Amino acid sequence: FLMDEPLSNLDAKLRVQTRTQIAVLQRRLGTTTVYVTHDQV
């Protein structure tokens, strides 16, 4: 999976919620993932 700043268009609250969902989903699927972001948090 390649993800290019997929959360940058979401509002702050939704970003927090969705980043957790992505992390959980990746661990569930076990697929190698390369994720790009400028947000160090």
PDB file of all heavy atoms in Angstrom:
ATOM      1  N   PHE A   1       0.856  -1.187   0.000  1.00  0.00           N
ATOM      2  CA  PHE A   1       0.000   0.000   0.000  1.00  0.00           C
ATOM      3  C   PHE A   1       0.894   1.239   0.000  1.00  0.00           C
ATOM      4  O   PHE A   1       1.862   1.321   0.769  1.00  0.00           O
ATOM      5  CB  PHE A   1      -0.874   0.065   1.253  1.00  0.00           C
ATOM      6  CG  PHE A   1      -2.013  -0.905   1.285  1.00  0.00           C
ATOM      7  CD1 PHE A   1      -2.317  -1.584   2.452  1.00  0.00           C
ATOM      8  CD2 PHE A   1      -2.790  -1.132   0.167  1.00  0.00           C
ATOM      9  CE1 PHE A   1      -3.381  -2.479   2.503  1.00  0.00           C
ATOM     10  CE2 PHE A   1      -3.856  -2.021   0.204  1.00  0.00           C
ATOM     11  CZ  PHE A   1      -4.148  -2.698   1.373  1.00  0.00           C
ATOM     12  N   LEU A   2       0.534   2.230  -0.828  1.00  0.00           N
ATOM     13  CA  LEU A   2       1.217   3.522  -0.838  1.00  0.00           C
ATOM     14  C   LEU A   2       0.194   4.591  -0.496  1.00  0.00           C
ATOM     15  O   LEU A   2      -0.869   4.656  -1.122  1.00  0.00           O
ATOM     16  CB  LEU A   2       1.832   3.802  -2.212  1.00  0.00           C
ATOM     17  CG  LEU A   2       2.726   2.703  -2.813  1.00  0.00           C
ATOM     18  CD1 LEU A   2       3.282   3.146  -4.156  1.00  0.00           C
ATOM     19  CD2 LEU A   2       3.851   2.334  -1.861  1.00  0.00           C
ATOM     20  N   MET A   3       0.492   5.421   0.492  1.00  0.00           N
ATOM     21  CA  MET A   3      -0.453   6.451   0.931  1.00  0.00           C
ATOM     22  C   MET A   3       0.242   7.808   0.944  1.00  0.00           C
ATOM     23  O   MET A   3       1.220   8.012   1.673  1.00  0.00           O
ATOM     24  CB  MET A   3      -0.994   6.124   2.325  1.00  0.00           C
ATOM     25  CG  MET A   3      -1.720   4.794   2.397  1.00  0.00           C
ATOM     26  SD  MET A   3      -2.585   4.542   3.968  1.00  0.00           S
ATOM     27  CE  MET A   3      -3.258   2.893   3.716  1.00  0.00           C
ATOM     28  N   ASP A   4      -0.265   8.727   0.120  1.00  0.00           N
ATOM     29  CA  ASP A   4       0.346  10.050  -0.030  1.00  0.00           C
ATOM     30  C   ASP A   4      -0.493  11.102   0.686  1.00  0.00           C
ATOM     31  O   ASP A   4      -1.462  11.616   0.131  1.00  0.00           O
ATOM     32  CB  ASP A   4       0.479  10.387  -1.518  1.00  0.00           C
ATOM     33  CG  ASP A   4       1.327  11.627  -1.751  1.00  0.00           C
ATOM     34  OD1 ASP A   4       1.877  12.166  -0.770  1.00  0.00           O
ATOM     35  OD2 ASP A   4       1.435  12.059  -2.912  1.00  0.00           O
ATOM     36  N   GLU A   5      -0.143  11.408   1.914  1.00  0.00           N
ATOM     37  CA  GLU A   5      -0.836  12.395   2.752  1.00  0.00           C
ATOM     38  C   GLU A   5      -2.357  12.218   2.680  1.00  0.00           C
ATOM     39  O   GLU A   5      -3.091  13.162   2.358  1.00  0.00           O
ATOM     40  CB  GLU A   5      -0.430  13.818   2.348  1.00  0.00           C
ATOM     41  CG  GLU A   5       1.073  14.022   2.392  1.00  0.00           C
ATOM     42  CD  GLU A   5       1.480  15.422   2.808  1.00  0.00           C
ATOM     43  OE1 GLU A   5       0.821  15.996   3.670  1.00  0.00           O
ATOM     44  OE2 GLU A   5       2.489  15.913   2.271  1.00  0.00           O
ATOM     45  N   PRO A   6      -2.874  11.031   2.985  1.00  0.00           N
ATOM     46  CA  PRO A   6      -4.300  10.768   2.786  1.00  0.00           C
ATOM     47  C   PRO A   6      -5.223  11.509   3.744  1.00  0.00           C
ATOM     48  O   PRO A   6      -6.427  11.541   3.515  1.00  0.00           O
ATOM     49  CB  PRO A   6      -4.408   9.255   3.014  1.00  0.00           C
ATOM     50  CG  PRO A   6      -3.282   8.933   3.946  1.00  0.00           C
ATOM     51  CD  PRO A   6      -2.171   9.855   3.543  1.00  0.00           C
ATOM     52  N   LEU A   7      -4.679  12.108   4.810  1.00  0.00           N
ATOM     53  CA  LEU A   7      -5.545  12.755   5.801  1.00  0.00           C
ATOM     54  C   LEU A   7      -5.515  14.277   5.724  1.00  0.00           C
ATOM     55  O   LEU A   7      -6.185  14.944   6.506  1.00  0.00           O
ATOM     56  CB  LEU A   7      -5.127  12.318   7.224  1.00  0.00           C
ATOM     57  CG  LEU A   7      -5.040  10.817   7.474  1.00  0.00           C
ATOM     58  CD1 LEU A   7      -4.714  10.542   8.933  1.00  0.00           C
ATOM     59  CD2 LEU A   7      -6.330  10.119   7.079  1.00  0.00           C
ATOM     60  N   SER A   8      -4.768  14.827   4.800  1.00  0.00           N
ATOM     61  CA  SER A   8      -4.556  16.279   4.808  1.00  0.00           C
ATOM     62  C   SER A   8      -5.805  17.084   4.498  1.00  0.00           C
ATOM     63  O   SER A   8      -5.876  18.269   4.819  1.00  0.00           O
ATOM     64  CB  SER A   8      -3.432  16.654   3.828  1.00  0.00           C
ATOM     65  OG  SER A   8      -3.775  16.240   2.522  1.00  0.00           O
ATOM     66  N   ASN A   9      -6.814  16.463   3.874  1.00  0.00           N
ATOM     67  CA  ASN A   9      -8.055  17.193   3.558  1.00  0.00           C
ATOM     68  C   ASN A   9      -9.124  17.062   4.633  1.00  0.00           C
ATOM     69  O   ASN A   9     -10.230  17.575   4.474  1.00  0.00           O
ATOM     70  CB  ASN A   9      -8.631  16.696   2.226  1.00  0.00           C
ATOM     71  CG  ASN A   9      -7.817  17.172   1.033  1.00  0.00           C
ATOM     72  OD1 ASN A   9      -7.106  18.165   1.129  1.00  0.00           O
ATOM     73  ND2 ASN A   9      -7.909  16.465  -0.072  1.00  0.00           N
ATOM     74  N   LEU A  10      -8.799  16.380   5.731  1.00  0.00           N
ATOM     75  CA  LEU A  10      -9.781  16.172   6.796  1.00  0.00           C
ATOM     76  C   LEU A  10      -9.600  17.203   7.902  1.00  0.00           C
ATOM     77  O   LEU A  10      -8.501  17.738   8.104  1.00  0.00           O
ATOM     78  CB  LEU A  10      -9.629  14.763   7.384  1.00  0.00           C
ATOM     79  CG  LEU A  10      -9.715  13.591   6.395  1.00  0.00           C
ATOM     80  CD1 LEU A  10      -9.595  12.272   7.136  1.00  0.00           C
ATOM     81  CD2 LEU A  10     -11.017  13.644   5.599  1.00  0.00           C
ATOM     82  N   ASP A  11     -10.673  17.474   8.652  1.00  0.00           N
ATOM     83  CA  ASP A  11     -10.546  18.395   9.778  1.00  0.00           C
ATOM     84  C   ASP A  11      -9.788  17.710  10.912  1.00  0.00           C
ATOM     85  O   ASP A  11      -9.563  16.493  10.904  1.00  0.00           O
ATOM     86  CB  ASP A  11     -11.911  18.888  10.245  1.00  0.00           C
ATOM     87  CG  ASP A  11     -12.820  17.769  10.745  1.00  0.00           C
ATOM     88  OD1 ASP A  11     -12.386  16.983  11.610  1.00  0.00           O
ATOM     89  OD2 ASP A  11     -13.970  17.673  10.272  1.00  0.00           O
ATOM     90  N   ALA A  12      -9.383  18.515  11.906  1.00  0.00           N
ATOM     91  CA  ALA A  12      -8.472  18.034  12.946  1.00  0.00           C
ATOM     92  C   ALA A  12      -9.019  16.820  13.697  1.00  0.00           C
ATOM     93  O   ALA A  12      -8.300  15.837  13.912  1.00  0.00           O
ATOM     94  CB  ALA A  12      -8.166  19.169  13.929  1.00  0.00           C
ATOM     95  N   LYS A  13     -10.286  16.866  14.085  1.00  0.00           N
ATOM     96  CA  LYS A  13     -10.869  15.764  14.852  1.00  0.00           C
ATOM     97  C   LYS A  13     -10.922  14.491  14.020  1.00  0.00           C
ATOM     98  O   LYS A  13     -10.587  13.388  14.499  1.00  0.00           O
ATOM     99  CB  LYS A  13     -12.271  16.140  15.337  1.00  0.00           C
ATOM    100  CG  LYS A  13     -12.934  15.050  16.175  1.00  0.00           C
ATOM    101  CD  LYS A  13     -14.308  15.497  16.657  1.00  0.00           C
ATOM    102  CE  LYS A  13     -14.977  14.397  17.483  1.00  0.00           C
ATOM    103  NZ  LYS A  13     -16.327  14.812  17.960  1.00  0.00           N
ATOM    104  N   LEU A  14     -11.315  14.633  12.758  1.00  0.00           N
ATOM    105  CA  LEU A  14     -11.436  13.474  11.884  1.00  0.00           C
ATOM    106  C   LEU A  14     -10.069  12.893  11.543  1.00  0.00           C
ATOM    107  O   LEU A  14      -9.922  11.683  11.347  1.00  0.00           O
ATOM    108  CB  LEU A  14     -12.183  13.861  10.608  1.00  0.00           C
ATOM    109  CG  LEU A  14     -12.784  12.723   9.774  1.00  0.00           C
ATOM    110  CD1 LEU A  14     -13.656  11.821  10.632  1.00  0.00           C
ATOM    111  CD2 LEU A  14     -13.582  13.297   8.617  1.00  0.00           C
ATOM    112  N   ARG A  15      -9.067  13.747  11.475  1.00  0.00           N
ATOM    113  CA  ARG A  15      -7.700  13.269  11.217  1.00  0.00           C
ATOM    114  C   ARG A  15      -7.264  12.315  12.314  1.00  0.00           C
ATOM    115  O   ARG A  15      -6.688  11.254  12.050  1.00  0.00           O
ATOM    116  CB  ARG A  15      -6.727  14.446  11.159  1.00  0.00           C
ATOM    117  CG  ARG A  15      -6.742  15.209   9.868  1.00  0.00           C
ATOM    118  CD  ARG A  15      -5.803  16.391   9.939  1.00  0.00           C
ATOM    119  NE  ARG A  15      -4.417  15.960   9.923  1.00  0.00           N
ATOM    120  CZ  ARG A  15      -3.576  16.215   8.933  1.00  0.00           C
ATOM    121  NH1 ARG A  15      -3.992  16.867   7.873  1.00  0.00           N
ATOM    122  NH2 ARG A  15      -2.343  15.813   9.000  1.00  0.00           N
ATOM    123  N   VAL A  16      -7.496  12.711  13.569  1.00  0.00           N
ATOM    124  CA  VAL A  16      -7.092  11.867  14.695  1.00  0.00           C
ATOM    125  C   VAL A  16      -7.813  10.529  14.643  1.00  0.00           C
ATOM    126  O   VAL A  16      -7.211   9.468  14.830  1.00  0.00           O
ATOM    127  CB  VAL A  16      -7.380  12.590  16.025  1.00  0.00           C
ATOM    128  CG1 VAL A  16      -7.115  11.666  17.211  1.00  0.00           C
ATOM    129  CG2 VAL A  16      -6.526  13.854  16.143  1.00  0.00           C
ATOM    130  N   GLN A  17      -9.104  10.584  14.379  1.00  0.00           N
ATOM    131  CA  GLN A  17      -9.910   9.369  14.322  1.00  0.00           C
ATOM    132  C   GLN A  17      -9.469   8.455  13.177  1.00  0.00           C
ATOM    133  O   GLN A  17      -9.293   7.248  13.345  1.00  0.00           O
ATOM    134  CB  GLN A  17     -11.380   9.743  14.150  1.00  0.00           C
ATOM    135  CG  GLN A  17     -12.321   8.550  13.993  1.00  0.00           C
ATOM    136  CD  GLN A  17     -13.750   8.993  13.715  1.00  0.00           C
ATOM    137  OE1 GLN A  17     -14.146  10.107  14.051  1.00  0.00           O
ATOM    138  NE2 GLN A  17     -14.530   8.141  13.086  1.00  0.00           N
ATOM    139  N   THR A  18      -9.247   9.049  11.993  1.00  0.00           N
ATOM    140  CA  THR A  18      -8.938   8.251  10.815  1.00  0.00           C
ATOM    141  C   THR A  18      -7.531   7.684  10.869  1.00  0.00           C
ATOM    142  O   THR A  18      -7.287   6.571  10.393  1.00  0.00           O
ATOM    143  CB  THR A  18      -9.127   9.089   9.535  1.00  0.00           C
ATOM    144  OG1 THR A  18     -10.423   9.694   9.556  1.00  0.00           O
ATOM    145  CG2 THR A  18      -8.997   8.231   8.294  1.00  0.00           C
ATOM    146  N   ARG A  19      -6.581   8.428  11.433  1.00  0.00           N
ATOM    147  CA  ARG A  19      -5.219   7.884  11.506  1.00  0.00           C
ATOM    148  C   ARG A  19      -5.175   6.650  12.405  1.00  0.00           C
ATOM    149  O   ARG A  19      -4.416   5.717  12.146  1.00  0.00           O
ATOM    150  CB  ARG A  19      -4.227   8.954  11.956  1.00  0.00           C
ATOM    151  CG  ARG A  19      -4.228   9.314  13.422  1.00  0.00           C
ATOM    152  CD  ARG A  19      -3.324  10.497  13.677  1.00  0.00           C
ATOM    153  NE  ARG A  19      -3.225  10.820  15.095  1.00  0.00           N
ATOM    154  CZ  ARG A  19      -2.921  12.023  15.572  1.00  0.00           C
ATOM    155  NH1 ARG A  19      -2.709  13.021  14.733  1.00  0.00           N
ATOM    156  NH2 ARG A  19      -2.823  12.239  16.861  1.00  0.00           N
ATOM    157  N   THR A  20      -6.002   6.647  13.448  1.00  0.00           N
ATOM    158  CA  THR A  20      -6.083   5.462  14.296  1.00  0.00           C
ATOM    159  C   THR A  20      -6.670   4.295  13.512  1.00  0.00           C
ATOM    160  O   THR A  20      -6.185   3.160  13.594  1.00  0.00           O
ATOM    161  CB  THR A  20      -6.951   5.753  15.536  1.00  0.00           C
ATOM    162  OG1 THR A  20      -6.391   6.851  16.251  1.00  0.00           O
ATOM    163  CG2 THR A  20      -7.027   4.544  16.452  1.00  0.00           C
ATOM    164  N   GLN A  21      -7.704   4.560  12.723  1.00  0.00           N
ATOM    165  CA  GLN A  21      -8.329   3.513  11.918  1.00  0.00           C
ATOM    166  C   GLN A  21      -7.354   2.933  10.901  1.00  0.00           C
ATOM    167  O   GLN A  21      -7.309   1.711  10.683  1.00  0.00           O
ATOM    168  CB  GLN A  21      -9.569   4.071  11.207  1.00  0.00           C
ATOM    169  CG  GLN A  21     -10.719   4.433  12.140  1.00  0.00           C
ATOM    170  CD  GLN A  21     -11.847   5.145  11.413  1.00  0.00           C
ATOM    171  OE1 GLN A  21     -11.662   5.697  10.334  1.00  0.00           O
ATOM    172  NE2 GLN A  21     -13.028   5.151  12.021  1.00  0.00           N
ATOM    173  N   ILE A  22      -6.552   3.800  10.275  1.00  0.00           N
ATOM    174  CA  ILE A  22      -5.581   3.326   9.285  1.00  0.00           C
ATOM    175  C   ILE A  22      -4.534   2.440   9.944  1.00  0.00           C
ATOM    176  O   ILE A  22      -4.175   1.373   9.418  1.00  0.00           O
ATOM    177  CB  ILE A  22      -4.912   4.517   8.568  1.00  0.00           C
ATOM    178  CG1 ILE A  22      -5.927   5.221   7.658  1.00  0.00           C
ATOM    179  CG2 ILE A  22      -3.708   4.060   7.752  1.00  0.00           C
ATOM    180  CD1 ILE A  22      -5.382   6.466   6.982  1.00  0.00           C
ATOM    181  N   ALA A  23      -4.022   2.859  11.100  1.00  0.00           N
ATOM    182  CA  ALA A  23      -3.007   2.077  11.797  1.00  0.00           C
ATOM    183  C   ALA A  23      -3.554   0.701  12.201  1.00  0.00           C
ATOM    184  O   ALA A  23      -2.880  -0.323  12.034  1.00  0.00           O
ATOM    185  CB  ALA A  23      -2.506   2.838  13.012  1.00  0.00           C
ATOM    186  N   VAL A  24      -4.779   0.684  12.725  1.00  0.00           N
ATOM    187  CA  VAL A  24      -5.401  -0.591  13.135  1.00  0.00           C
ATOM    188  C   VAL A  24      -5.635  -1.476  11.912  1.00  0.00           C
ATOM    189  O   VAL A  24      -5.378  -2.691  11.934  1.00  0.00           O
ATOM    190  CB  VAL A  24      -6.722  -0.329  13.884  1.00  0.00           C
ATOM    191  CG1 VAL A  24      -7.498  -1.628  14.089  1.00  0.00           C
ATOM    192  CG2 VAL A  24      -6.448   0.353  15.221  1.00  0.00           C
ATOM    193  N   LEU A  25      -6.117  -0.866  10.825  1.00  0.00           N
ATOM    194  CA  LEU A  25      -6.401  -1.608   9.599  1.00  0.00           C
ATOM    195  C   LEU A  25      -5.124  -2.226   9.032  1.00  0.00           C
ATOM    196  O   LEU A  25      -5.115  -3.390   8.617  1.00  0.00           O
ATOM    197  CB  LEU A  25      -7.039  -0.668   8.576  1.00  0.00           C
ATOM    198  CG  LEU A  25      -7.336  -1.260   7.191  1.00  0.00           C
ATOM    199  CD1 LEU A  25      -8.366  -2.372   7.315  1.00  0.00           C
ATOM    200  CD2 LEU A  25      -7.829  -0.169   6.253  1.00  0.00           C
ATOM    201  N   GLN A  26      -4.028  -1.455   9.022  1.00  0.00           N
ATOM    202  CA  GLN A  26      -2.767  -1.976   8.477  1.00  0.00           C
ATOM    203  C   GLN A  26      -2.276  -3.177   9.274  1.00  0.00           C
ATOM    204  O   GLN A  26      -1.806  -4.164   8.712  1.00  0.00           O
ATOM    205  CB  GLN A  26      -1.713  -0.864   8.466  1.00  0.00           C
ATOM    206  CG  GLN A  26      -0.461  -1.197   7.670  1.00  0.00           C
ATOM    207  CD  GLN A  26       0.571  -1.986   8.454  1.00  0.00           C
ATOM    208  OE1 GLN A  26       0.586  -1.928   9.690  1.00  0.00           O
ATOM    209  NE2 GLN A  26       1.432  -2.703   7.757  1.00  0.00           N
ATOM    210  N   ARG A  27      -2.408  -3.097  10.591  1.00  0.00           N
ATOM    211  CA  ARG A  27      -1.959  -4.212  11.419  1.00  0.00           C
ATOM    212  C   ARG A  27      -2.852  -5.443  11.218  1.00  0.00           C
ATOM    213  O   ARG A  27      -2.390  -6.570  11.268  1.00  0.00           O
ATOM    214  CB  ARG A  27      -1.909  -3.795  12.890  1.00  0.00           C
ATOM    215  CG  ARG A  27      -0.688  -2.934  13.199  1.00  0.00           C
ATOM    216  CD  ARG A  27      -0.857  -2.087  14.455  1.00  0.00           C
ATOM    217  NE  ARG A  27       0.319  -1.297  14.738  1.00  0.00           N
ATOM    218  CZ  ARG A  27       0.665  -0.194  14.082  1.00  0.00           C
ATOM    219  NH1 ARG A  27      -0.084   0.229  13.095  1.00  0.00           N
ATOM    220  NH2 ARG A  27       1.757   0.476  14.400  1.00  0.00           N
ATOM    221  N   ARG A  28      -4.119  -5.172  10.965  1.00  0.00           N
ATOM    222  CA  ARG A  28      -5.049  -6.281  10.732  1.00  0.00           C
ATOM    223  C   ARG A  28      -4.758  -6.976   9.406  1.00  0.00           C
ATOM    224  O   ARG A  28      -4.755  -8.214   9.324  1.00  0.00           O
ATOM    225  CB  ARG A  28      -6.482  -5.750  10.749  1.00  0.00           C
ATOM    226  CG  ARG A  28      -7.537  -6.802  10.465  1.00  0.00           C
ATOM    227  CD  ARG A  28      -8.934  -6.198  10.590  1.00  0.00           C
ATOM    228  NE  ARG A  28      -9.970  -7.151  10.215  1.00  0.00           N
ATOM    229  CZ  ARG A  28     -11.268  -6.875  10.218  1.00  0.00           C
ATOM    230  NH1 ARG A  28     -11.684  -5.669  10.595  1.00  0.00           N
ATOM    231  NH2 ARG A  28     -12.151  -7.800   9.857  1.00  0.00           N
ATOM    232  N   LEU A  29      -4.484  -6.188   8.363  1.00  0.00           N
ATOM    233  CA  LEU A  29      -4.231  -6.763   7.041  1.00  0.00           C
ATOM    234  C   LEU A  29      -2.802  -7.284   6.907  1.00  0.00           C
ATOM    235  O   LEU A  29      -2.541  -8.222   6.151  1.00  0.00           O
ATOM    236  CB  LEU A  29      -4.496  -5.716   5.953  1.00  0.00           C
ATOM    237  CG  LEU A  29      -5.932  -5.197   5.844  1.00  0.00           C
ATOM    238  CD1 LEU A  29      -6.004  -4.064   4.829  1.00  0.00           C
ATOM    239  CD2 LEU A  29      -6.885  -6.328   5.463  1.00  0.00           C
ATOM    240  N   GLY A  30      -1.865  -6.645   7.617  1.00  0.00           N
ATOM    241  CA  GLY A  30      -0.464  -7.061   7.558  1.00  0.00           C
ATOM    242  C   GLY A  30       0.220  -6.739   6.257  1.00  0.00           C
ATOM    243  O   GLY A  30       1.265  -7.323   5.929  1.00  0.00           O
ATOM    244  N   THR A  31      -0.329  -5.794   5.488  1.00  0.00           N
ATOM    245  CA  THR A  31       0.249  -5.435   4.190  1.00  0.00           C
ATOM    246  C   THR A  31       1.322  -4.372   4.369  1.00  0.00           C
ATOM    247  O   THR A  31       1.125  -3.389   5.087  1.00  0.00           O
ATOM    248  CB  THR A  31      -0.845  -4.903   3.243  1.00  0.00           C
ATOM    249  OG1 THR A  31      -1.899  -5.863   3.153  1.00  0.00           O
ATOM    250  CG2 THR A  31      -0.281  -4.635   1.854  1.00  0.00           C
ATOM    251  N   THR A  32       2.446  -4.572   3.718  1.00  0.00           N
ATOM    252  CA  THR A  32       3.522  -3.573   3.734  1.00  0.00           C
ATOM    253  C   THR A  32       2.953  -2.229   3.294  1.00  0.00           C
ATOM    254  O   THR A  32       2.292  -2.129   2.256  1.00  0.00           O
ATOM    255  CB  THR A  32       4.656  -3.996   2.789  1.00  0.00           C
ATOM    256  OG1 THR A  32       5.073  -5.324   3.117  1.00  0.00           O
ATOM    257  CG2 THR A  32       5.838  -3.039   2.907  1.00  0.00           C
ATOM    258  N   THR A  33       3.214  -1.179   4.079  1.00  0.00           N
ATOM    259  CA  THR A  33       2.632   0.139   3.806  1.00  0.00           C
ATOM    260  C   THR A  33       3.706   1.219   3.881  1.00  0.00           C
ATOM    261  O   THR A  33       4.484   1.260   4.836  1.00  0.00           O
ATOM    262  CB  THR A  33       1.512   0.464   4.807  1.00  0.00           C
ATOM    263  OG1 THR A  33       0.484  -0.539   4.707  1.00  0.00           O
ATOM    264  CG2 THR A  33       0.908   1.829   4.547  1.00  0.00           C
ATOM    265  N   VAL A  34       3.732   2.061   2.861  1.00  0.00           N
ATOM    266  CA  VAL A  34       4.611   3.234   2.855  1.00  0.00           C
ATOM    267  C   VAL A  34       3.706   4.456   2.868  1.00  0.00           C
ATOM    268  O   VAL A  34       2.890   4.645   1.957  1.00  0.00           O
ATOM    269  CB  VAL A  34       5.544   3.253   1.634  1.00  0.00           C
ATOM    270  CG1 VAL A  34       6.530   4.413   1.748  1.00  0.00           C
ATOM    271  CG2 VAL A  34       6.294   1.928   1.507  1.00  0.00           C
ATOM    272  N   TYR A  35       3.856   5.282   3.895  1.00  0.00           N
ATOM    273  CA  TYR A  35       2.919   6.381   4.181  1.00  0.00           C
ATOM    274  C   TYR A  35       3.701   7.687   4.212  1.00  0.00           C
ATOM    275  O   TYR A  35       4.721   7.792   4.905  1.00  0.00           O
ATOM    276  CB  TYR A  35       2.269   6.104   5.529  1.00  0.00           C
ATOM    277  CG  TYR A  35       1.161   7.039   5.953  1.00  0.00           C
ATOM    278  CD1 TYR A  35      -0.178   6.655   5.852  1.00  0.00           C
ATOM    279  CD2 TYR A  35       1.428   8.292   6.490  1.00  0.00           C
ATOM    280  CE1 TYR A  35      -1.205   7.496   6.267  1.00  0.00           C
ATOM    281  CE2 TYR A  35       0.412   9.137   6.898  1.00  0.00           C
ATOM    282  CZ  TYR A  35      -0.902   8.738   6.787  1.00  0.00           C
ATOM    283  OH  TYR A  35      -1.911   9.574   7.204  1.00  0.00           O
ATOM    284  N   VAL A  36       3.234   8.670   3.462  1.00  0.00           N
ATOM    285  CA  VAL A  36       3.901   9.973   3.391  1.00  0.00           C
ATOM    286  C   VAL A  36       3.107  11.013   4.162  1.00  0.00           C
ATOM    287  O   VAL A  36       1.881  11.099   4.020  1.00  0.00           O
ATOM    288  CB  VAL A  36       4.054  10.416   1.916  1.00  0.00           C
ATOM    289  CG1 VAL A  36       4.338  11.916   1.828  1.00  0.00           C
ATOM    290  CG2 VAL A  36       5.176   9.643   1.248  1.00  0.00           C
ATOM    291  N   THR A  37       3.803  11.797   4.991  1.00  0.00           N
ATOM    292  CA  THR A  37       3.149  12.906   5.698  1.00  0.00           C
ATOM    293  C   THR A  37       4.181  13.960   6.055  1.00  0.00           C
ATOM    294  O   THR A  37       5.373  13.660   6.205  1.00  0.00           O
ATOM    295  CB  THR A  37       2.441  12.411   6.973  1.00  0.00           C
ATOM    296  OG1 THR A  37       1.788  13.520   7.604  1.00  0.00           O
ATOM    297  CG2 THR A  37       3.418  11.810   7.963  1.00  0.00           C
ATOM    298  N   HIS A  38       3.718  15.213   6.179  1.00  0.00           N
ATOM    299  CA  HIS A  38       4.583  16.268   6.709  1.00  0.00           C
ATOM    300  C   HIS A  38       4.280  16.509   8.180  1.00  0.00           C
ATOM    301  O   HIS A  38       4.983  17.283   8.848  1.00  0.00           O
ATOM    302  CB  HIS A  38       4.354  17.578   5.936  1.00  0.00           C
ATOM    303  CG  HIS A  38       2.974  18.144   6.139  1.00  0.00           C
ATOM    304  ND1 HIS A  38       1.890  17.737   5.399  1.00  0.00           N
ATOM    305  CD2 HIS A  38       2.495  19.049   7.020  1.00  0.00           C
ATOM    306  CE1 HIS A  38       0.817  18.381   5.803  1.00  0.00           C
ATOM    307  NE2 HIS A  38       1.141  19.179   6.797  1.00  0.00           N
ATOM    308  N   ASP A  39       3.256  15.836   8.697  1.00  0.00           N
ATOM    309  CA  ASP A  39       2.802  16.021  10.069  1.00  0.00           C
ATOM    310  C   ASP A  39       3.555  15.046  10.969  1.00  0.00           C
ATOM    311  O   ASP A  39       3.305  13.839  10.964  1.00  0.00           O
ATOM    312  CB  ASP A  39       1.294  15.760  10.142  1.00  0.00           C
ATOM    313  CG  ASP A  39       0.705  16.049  11.514  1.00  0.00           C
ATOM    314  OD1 ASP A  39       1.437  15.926  12.514  1.00  0.00           O
ATOM    315  OD2 ASP A  39      -0.487  16.380  11.595  1.00  0.00           O
ATOM    316  N   GLN A  40       4.497  15.567  11.776  1.00  0.00           N
ATOM    317  CA  GLN A  40       5.329  14.674  12.567  1.00  0.00           C
ATOM    318  C   GLN A  40       4.553  14.000  13.698  1.00  0.00           C
ATOM    319  O   GLN A  40       4.903  12.905  14.122  1.00  0.00           O
ATOM    320  CB  GLN A  40       6.568  15.400  13.091  1.00  0.00           C
ATOM    321  CG  GLN A  40       6.319  16.713  13.787  1.00  0.00           C
ATOM    322  CD  GLN A  40       6.055  16.549  15.250  1.00  0.00           C
ATOM    323  OE1 GLN A  40       6.521  15.603  15.869  1.00  0.00           O
ATOM    324  NE2 GLN A  40       5.295  17.453  15.820  1.00  0.00           N
ATOM    325  N   VAL A  41       3.461  14.610  14.171  1.00  0.00           N
ATOM    326  CA  VAL A  41       2.628  13.944  15.176  1.00  0.00           C
ATOM    327  C   VAL A  41       1.960  12.725  14.548  1.00  0.00           C
ATOM    328  O   VAL A  41       1.896  11.641  15.143  1.00  0.00           O
ATOM    329  CB  VAL A  41       1.572  14.914  15.749  1.00  0.00           C
ATOM    330  CG1 VAL A  41       0.616  14.179  16.674  1.00  0.00           C
ATOM    331  CG2 VAL A  41       2.255  16.063  16.493  1.00  0.00           C
TER     332      VAL A  41
END
